[in-house]
Amino acid sequence: MKSANVFTSIRIVLAPVFFILFFLPEYLGFGAQVSVFLLIPLFLFMEYTDYLDGFFARKYCQVSDFGKLFDPFADVLANMTVLLVFVLSGYLPAILFLIILYREMGIMFLRMLAIKKGVVIAARKGGKLKTVLYIVSAGFSLLIESLSRLGISTGSASPVLTWINLSLYFLAVLVSVLSFLDYLRYFSSIKGITE
């Protein structure tokens, strides 16, 4: 397996590990503080693998049609798993998560249609930006949760932190919808060329 695809695969494997580690202290009744020192490095490493697979693909000329599909698939799987964690823990409103989920399913459907026409739709700039916003939003939620698990009170800043976190999620949703429209426009141009 190409090194770029190895890092992509690692991201897929680590996503459910993050989910389990996040909720494990709740089921065990202990280990909340320890979990912080596992969750933060795990989250950062997961996102770093997204950079690494692209870096190795470009550096060692491993860019392929398979990679162009596999990487976005891994992104969706990892990001949806992480965001689901924050839905279940009360940081991300379910309605926003549904919009994100439907957007991602819509993009996957467009990619499948494009493949039937012999075209592979790689990630576009808008799609990459929304991924960054997913990461920043989820990272902020993880920060707030980590402070809570460590027993560090945010005091009067708590409502402000919550507002910032929600604003980040709203921005992520807005960009995800706009990028979906961009993908639709791009797909329409492909459809016109191939017909």
C-alpha atoms as a PDB file:
ATOM      1  CA  MET A   1       0.000   0.000   0.000  1.00  0.00           C
ATOM      2  CA  LYS A   2       1.260   3.487  -0.837  1.00  0.00           C
ATOM      3  CA  SER A   3       2.419   5.535   2.162  1.00  0.00           C
ATOM      4  CA  ALA A   4      -0.186   8.227   1.453  1.00  0.00           C
ATOM      5  CA  ASN A   5      -2.973   5.655   1.640  1.00  0.00           C
ATOM      6  CA  VAL A   6      -1.496   4.224   4.850  1.00  0.00           C
ATOM      7  CA  PHE A   7      -1.973   7.571   6.596  1.00  0.00           C
ATOM      8  CA  THR A   8      -5.482   7.817   5.195  1.00  0.00           C
ATOM      9  CA  SER A   9      -6.250   4.335   6.543  1.00  0.00           C
ATOM     10  CA  ILE A  10      -4.850   5.272   9.960  1.00  0.00           C
ATOM     11  CA  ARG A  11      -7.329   8.163  10.126  1.00  0.00           C
ATOM     12  CA  ILE A  12     -10.223   5.773   9.474  1.00  0.00           C
ATOM     13  CA  VAL A  13      -9.030   3.364  12.172  1.00  0.00           C
ATOM     14  CA  LEU A  14      -8.479   6.086  14.780  1.00  0.00           C
ATOM     15  CA  ALA A  15     -11.929   7.681  14.384  1.00  0.00           C
ATOM     16  CA  PRO A  16     -13.843   4.992  16.347  1.00  0.00           C
ATOM     17  CA  VAL A  17     -10.982   4.873  18.877  1.00  0.00           C
ATOM     18  CA  PHE A  18     -11.581   8.573  19.570  1.00  0.00           C
ATOM     19  CA  PHE A  19     -15.303   7.912  19.977  1.00  0.00           C
ATOM     20  CA  ILE A  20     -14.735   5.083  22.460  1.00  0.00           C
ATOM     21  CA  LEU A  21     -12.090   6.940  24.481  1.00  0.00           C
ATOM     22  CA  PHE A  22     -14.320  10.000  24.776  1.00  0.00           C
ATOM     23  CA  PHE A  23     -17.216   8.113  26.357  1.00  0.00           C
ATOM     24  CA  LEU A  24     -15.273   5.383  28.159  1.00  0.00           C
ATOM     25  CA  PRO A  25     -14.849   7.345  31.428  1.00  0.00           C
ATOM     26  CA  GLU A  26     -18.622   7.861  31.543  1.00  0.00           C
ATOM     27  CA  TYR A  27     -19.217   4.099  31.391  1.00  0.00           C
ATOM     28  CA  LEU A  28     -16.342   3.187  33.702  1.00  0.00           C
ATOM     29  CA  GLY A  29     -17.107   5.885  36.240  1.00  0.00           C
ATOM     30  CA  PHE A  30     -13.486   7.028  36.397  1.00  0.00           C
ATOM     31  CA  GLY A  31     -10.589   8.137  34.197  1.00  0.00           C
ATOM     32  CA  ALA A  32     -12.017  11.453  32.973  1.00  0.00           C
ATOM     33  CA  GLN A  33      -8.810  13.375  33.695  1.00  0.00           C
ATOM     34  CA  VAL A  34      -6.581  10.712  32.167  1.00  0.00           C
ATOM     35  CA  SER A  35      -8.736  10.645  29.029  1.00  0.00           C
ATOM     36  CA  VAL A  36      -7.844  14.274  28.308  1.00  0.00           C
ATOM     37  CA  PHE A  37      -4.188  13.327  27.838  1.00  0.00           C
ATOM     38  CA  LEU A  38      -5.225  10.654  25.353  1.00  0.00           C
ATOM     39  CA  LEU A  39      -7.973  12.475  23.469  1.00  0.00           C
ATOM     40  CA  ILE A  40      -6.079  15.669  22.637  1.00  0.00           C
ATOM     41  CA  PRO A  41      -2.995  13.953  21.132  1.00  0.00           C
ATOM     42  CA  LEU A  42      -5.243  11.465  19.331  1.00  0.00           C
ATOM     43  CA  PHE A  43      -7.374  14.251  17.851  1.00  0.00           C
ATOM     44  CA  LEU A  44      -4.299  16.209  16.737  1.00  0.00           C
ATOM     45  CA  PHE A  45      -2.645  13.133  15.242  1.00  0.00           C
ATOM     46  CA  MET A  46      -5.807  12.196  13.343  1.00  0.00           C
ATOM     47  CA  GLU A  47      -5.881  15.616  11.740  1.00  0.00           C
ATOM     48  CA  TYR A  48      -2.129  15.549  11.110  1.00  0.00           C
ATOM     49  CA  THR A  49      -2.532  12.346   9.082  1.00  0.00           C
ATOM     50  CA  ASP A  50      -4.762  14.352   6.738  1.00  0.00           C
ATOM     51  CA  TYR A  51      -1.792  16.615   6.051  1.00  0.00           C
ATOM     52  CA  LEU A  52       0.641  13.689   5.820  1.00  0.00           C
ATOM     53  CA  ASP A  53      -1.313  11.716   3.224  1.00  0.00           C
ATOM     54  CA  GLY A  54      -1.447  14.762   0.950  1.00  0.00           C
ATOM     55  CA  PHE A  55       2.223  15.551   1.552  1.00  0.00           C
ATOM     56  CA  PHE A  56       3.412  12.034   0.701  1.00  0.00           C
ATOM     57  CA  ALA A  57       1.073  11.777  -2.272  1.00  0.00           C
ATOM     58  CA  ARG A  58       2.567  14.934  -3.797  1.00  0.00           C
ATOM     59  CA  LYS A  59       6.201  14.361  -2.789  1.00  0.00           C
ATOM     60  CA  TYR A  60       6.402  10.778  -4.015  1.00  0.00           C
ATOM     61  CA  CYS A  61       4.036  11.183  -6.967  1.00  0.00           C
ATOM     62  CA  GLN A  62       1.435   8.928  -5.358  1.00  0.00           C
ATOM     63  CA  VAL A  63      -1.516  11.046  -6.459  1.00  0.00           C
ATOM     64  CA  SER A  64      -4.100   8.681  -7.939  1.00  0.00           C
ATOM     65  CA  ASP A  65      -7.793   8.510  -8.742  1.00  0.00           C
ATOM     66  CA  PHE A  66      -8.154   6.050  -5.860  1.00  0.00           C
ATOM     67  CA  GLY A  67      -6.465   8.479  -3.472  1.00  0.00           C
ATOM     68  CA  LYS A  68      -8.664  11.322  -4.684  1.00  0.00           C
ATOM     69  CA  LEU A  69     -11.672   9.263  -3.566  1.00  0.00           C
ATOM     70  CA  PHE A  70     -10.178   7.514  -0.540  1.00  0.00           C
ATOM     71  CA  ASP A  71      -8.916  10.687   1.169  1.00  0.00           C
ATOM     72  CA  PRO A  72     -12.271  12.555   1.091  1.00  0.00           C
ATOM     73  CA  PHE A  73     -14.003   9.346   2.213  1.00  0.00           C
ATOM     74  CA  ALA A  74     -11.641   9.081   5.192  1.00  0.00           C
ATOM     75  CA  ASP A  75     -12.204  12.765   5.963  1.00  0.00           C
ATOM     76  CA  VAL A  76     -15.970  12.292   6.017  1.00  0.00           C
ATOM     77  CA  LEU A  77     -15.782   9.176   8.169  1.00  0.00           C
ATOM     78  CA  ALA A  78     -13.374  10.730  10.672  1.00  0.00           C
ATOM     79  CA  ASN A  79     -15.067  14.124  10.802  1.00  0.00           C
ATOM     80  CA  MET A  80     -18.587  12.726  11.127  1.00  0.00           C
ATOM     81  CA  THR A  81     -17.443  10.434  13.942  1.00  0.00           C
ATOM     82  CA  VAL A  82     -15.810  13.295  15.837  1.00  0.00           C
ATOM     83  CA  LEU A  83     -18.764  15.627  15.274  1.00  0.00           C
ATOM     84  CA  LEU A  84     -21.171  12.912  16.425  1.00  0.00           C
ATOM     85  CA  VAL A  85     -19.211  12.784  19.685  1.00  0.00           C
ATOM     86  CA  PHE A  86     -19.934  16.462  20.237  1.00  0.00           C
ATOM     87  CA  VAL A  87     -23.587  16.079  19.288  1.00  0.00           C
ATOM     88  CA  LEU A  88     -23.980  13.350  21.908  1.00  0.00           C
ATOM     89  CA  SER A  89     -22.095  15.409  24.485  1.00  0.00           C
ATOM     90  CA  GLY A  90     -24.221  18.512  23.868  1.00  0.00           C
ATOM     91  CA  TYR A  91     -21.768  20.834  22.134  1.00  0.00           C
ATOM     92  CA  LEU A  92     -23.093  20.612  18.577  1.00  0.00           C
ATOM     93  CA  PRO A  93     -26.846  21.039  17.941  1.00  0.00           C
ATOM     94  CA  ALA A  94     -28.272  17.974  16.192  1.00  0.00           C
ATOM     95  CA  ILE A  95     -29.878  20.061  13.436  1.00  0.00           C
ATOM     96  CA  LEU A  96     -26.484  21.470  12.430  1.00  0.00           C
ATOM     97  CA  PHE A  97     -24.999  17.988  12.419  1.00  0.00           C
ATOM     98  CA  LEU A  98     -27.820  16.778  10.152  1.00  0.00           C
ATOM     99  CA  ILE A  99     -27.145  19.586   7.677  1.00  0.00           C
ATOM    100  CA  ILE A 100     -23.459  18.645   7.650  1.00  0.00           C
ATOM    101  CA  LEU A 101     -24.268  14.949   7.286  1.00  0.00           C
ATOM    102  CA  TYR A 102     -26.703  15.515   4.413  1.00  0.00           C
ATOM    103  CA  ARG A 103     -24.150  17.746   2.700  1.00  0.00           C
ATOM    104  CA  GLU A 104     -21.489  15.056   2.948  1.00  0.00           C
ATOM    105  CA  MET A 105     -23.855  12.368   1.656  1.00  0.00           C
ATOM    106  CA  GLY A 106     -24.799  14.673  -1.214  1.00  0.00           C
ATOM    107  CA  ILE A 107     -21.152  15.125  -2.184  1.00  0.00           C
ATOM    108  CA  MET A 108     -20.583  11.368  -2.076  1.00  0.00           C
ATOM    109  CA  PHE A 109     -23.564  10.896  -4.386  1.00  0.00           C
ATOM    110  CA  LEU A 110     -22.193  13.485  -6.831  1.00  0.00           C
ATOM    111  CA  ARG A 111     -18.825  11.732  -6.810  1.00  0.00           C
ATOM    112  CA  MET A 112     -20.493   8.415  -7.630  1.00  0.00           C
ATOM    113  CA  LEU A 113     -22.376  10.013 -10.523  1.00  0.00           C
ATOM    114  CA  ALA A 114     -19.154  11.588 -11.777  1.00  0.00           C
ATOM    115  CA  ILE A 115     -17.348   8.226 -11.650  1.00  0.00           C
ATOM    116  CA  LYS A 116     -20.032   6.782 -13.927  1.00  0.00           C
ATOM    117  CA  LYS A 117     -19.006   9.474 -16.402  1.00  0.00           C
ATOM    118  CA  GLY A 118     -15.342   8.563 -15.999  1.00  0.00           C
ATOM    119  CA  VAL A 119     -14.501  11.642 -13.927  1.00  0.00           C
ATOM    120  CA  VAL A 120     -13.049  11.719 -10.412  1.00  0.00           C
ATOM    121  CA  ILE A 121     -14.031  14.795  -8.397  1.00  0.00           C
ATOM    122  CA  ALA A 122     -11.171  15.689  -6.062  1.00  0.00           C
ATOM    123  CA  ALA A 123     -11.568  17.909  -3.012  1.00  0.00           C
ATOM    124  CA  ARG A 124     -12.108  21.551  -3.950  1.00  0.00           C
ATOM    125  CA  LYS A 125     -10.974  24.657  -2.057  1.00  0.00           C
ATOM    126  CA  GLY A 126     -14.374  25.192  -0.453  1.00  0.00           C
ATOM    127  CA  GLY A 127     -14.422  21.585   0.675  1.00  0.00           C
ATOM    128  CA  LYS A 128     -10.969  21.929   2.205  1.00  0.00           C
ATOM    129  CA  LEU A 129     -12.001  25.115   4.015  1.00  0.00           C
ATOM    130  CA  LYS A 130     -15.086  23.501   5.544  1.00  0.00           C
ATOM    131  CA  THR A 131     -12.895  20.612   6.736  1.00  0.00           C
ATOM    132  CA  VAL A 132     -10.629  23.105   8.496  1.00  0.00           C
ATOM    133  CA  LEU A 133     -13.689  24.673  10.131  1.00  0.00           C
ATOM    134  CA  TYR A 134     -14.961  21.247  11.219  1.00  0.00           C
ATOM    135  CA  ILE A 135     -11.587  20.634  12.873  1.00  0.00           C
ATOM    136  CA  VAL A 136     -11.423  24.048  14.544  1.00  0.00           C
ATOM    137  CA  SER A 137     -15.005  23.767  15.833  1.00  0.00           C
ATOM    138  CA  ALA A 138     -14.512  20.239  17.153  1.00  0.00           C
ATOM    139  CA  GLY A 139     -11.145  21.213  18.599  1.00  0.00           C
ATOM    140  CA  PHE A 140     -12.766  24.074  20.503  1.00  0.00           C
ATOM    141  CA  SER A 141     -15.400  21.694  21.885  1.00  0.00           C
ATOM    142  CA  LEU A 142     -12.635  19.320  22.941  1.00  0.00           C
ATOM    143  CA  LEU A 143     -10.856  22.193  24.687  1.00  0.00           C
ATOM    144  CA  ILE A 144     -13.971  23.120  26.685  1.00  0.00           C
ATOM    145  CA  GLU A 145     -14.610  19.472  27.555  1.00  0.00           C
ATOM    146  CA  SER A 146     -10.979  18.985  28.570  1.00  0.00           C
ATOM    147  CA  LEU A 147     -11.090  21.950  30.945  1.00  0.00           C
ATOM    148  CA  SER A 148     -14.226  20.503  32.515  1.00  0.00           C
ATOM    149  CA  ARG A 149     -12.684  17.043  32.919  1.00  0.00           C
ATOM    150  CA  LEU A 150      -9.581  18.533  34.502  1.00  0.00           C
ATOM    151  CA  GLY A 151     -11.737  20.438  36.972  1.00  0.00           C
ATOM    152  CA  ILE A 152     -10.672  23.835  35.633  1.00  0.00           C
ATOM    153  CA  SER A 153     -13.544  26.269  36.047  1.00  0.00           C
ATOM    154  CA  THR A 154     -14.159  28.737  33.228  1.00  0.00           C
ATOM    155  CA  GLY A 155     -16.403  30.806  35.508  1.00  0.00           C
ATOM    156  CA  SER A 156     -18.030  33.799  33.860  1.00  0.00           C
ATOM    157  CA  ALA A 157     -16.249  32.972  30.594  1.00  0.00           C
ATOM    158  CA  SER A 158     -18.302  29.796  30.186  1.00  0.00           C
ATOM    159  CA  PRO A 159     -21.214  31.413  28.258  1.00  0.00           C
ATOM    160  CA  VAL A 160     -18.708  33.231  26.049  1.00  0.00           C
ATOM    161  CA  LEU A 161     -16.863  30.008  25.237  1.00  0.00           C
ATOM    162  CA  THR A 162     -20.170  28.307  24.440  1.00  0.00           C
ATOM    163  CA  TRP A 163     -21.154  31.196  22.156  1.00  0.00           C
ATOM    164  CA  ILE A 164     -17.801  31.079  20.354  1.00  0.00           C
ATOM    165  CA  ASN A 165     -18.110  27.332  19.895  1.00  0.00           C
ATOM    166  CA  LEU A 166     -21.637  27.593  18.478  1.00  0.00           C
ATOM    167  CA  SER A 167     -20.551  30.420  16.181  1.00  0.00           C
ATOM    168  CA  LEU A 168     -17.743  28.255  14.831  1.00  0.00           C
ATOM    169  CA  TYR A 169     -20.188  25.431  14.145  1.00  0.00           C
ATOM    170  CA  PHE A 170     -22.620  27.798  12.400  1.00  0.00           C
ATOM    171  CA  LEU A 171     -19.766  29.126  10.263  1.00  0.00           C
ATOM    172  CA  ALA A 172     -18.700  25.572   9.415  1.00  0.00           C
ATOM    173  CA  VAL A 173     -22.255  24.733   8.340  1.00  0.00           C
ATOM    174  CA  LEU A 174     -22.509  27.880   6.222  1.00  0.00           C
ATOM    175  CA  VAL A 175     -19.249  27.133   4.424  1.00  0.00           C
ATOM    176  CA  SER A 176     -20.227  23.475   3.973  1.00  0.00           C
ATOM    177  CA  VAL A 177     -23.502  24.474   2.282  1.00  0.00           C
ATOM    178  CA  LEU A 178     -21.769  27.047   0.061  1.00  0.00           C
ATOM    179  CA  SER A 179     -19.110  24.518  -0.911  1.00  0.00           C
ATOM    180  CA  PHE A 180     -21.845  22.011  -1.759  1.00  0.00           C
ATOM    181  CA  LEU A 181     -23.319  24.550  -4.169  1.00  0.00           C
ATOM    182  CA  ASP A 182     -19.843  24.944  -5.675  1.00  0.00           C
ATOM    183  CA  TYR A 183     -19.606  21.170  -6.148  1.00  0.00           C
ATOM    184  CA  LEU A 184     -23.046  21.187  -7.802  1.00  0.00           C
ATOM    185  CA  ARG A 185     -21.923  23.894 -10.209  1.00  0.00           C
ATOM    186  CA  TYR A 186     -18.715  21.982 -10.958  1.00  0.00           C
ATOM    187  CA  PHE A 187     -20.633  18.739 -11.487  1.00  0.00           C
ATOM    188  CA  SER A 188     -22.981  20.522 -13.893  1.00  0.00           C
ATOM    189  CA  SER A 189     -19.981  21.684 -15.928  1.00  0.00           C
ATOM    190  CA  ILE A 190     -18.642  18.103 -16.026  1.00  0.00           C
ATOM    191  CA  LYS A 191     -22.049  16.824 -17.069  1.00  0.00           C
ATOM    192  CA  GLY A 192     -22.150  19.342 -19.886  1.00  0.00           C
ATOM    193  CA  ILE A 193     -18.702  18.309 -21.132  1.00  0.00           C
ATOM    194  CA  THR A 194     -19.317  14.559 -20.996  1.00  0.00           C
ATOM    195  CA  GLU A 195     -22.741  14.612 -22.631  1.00  0.00           C
END
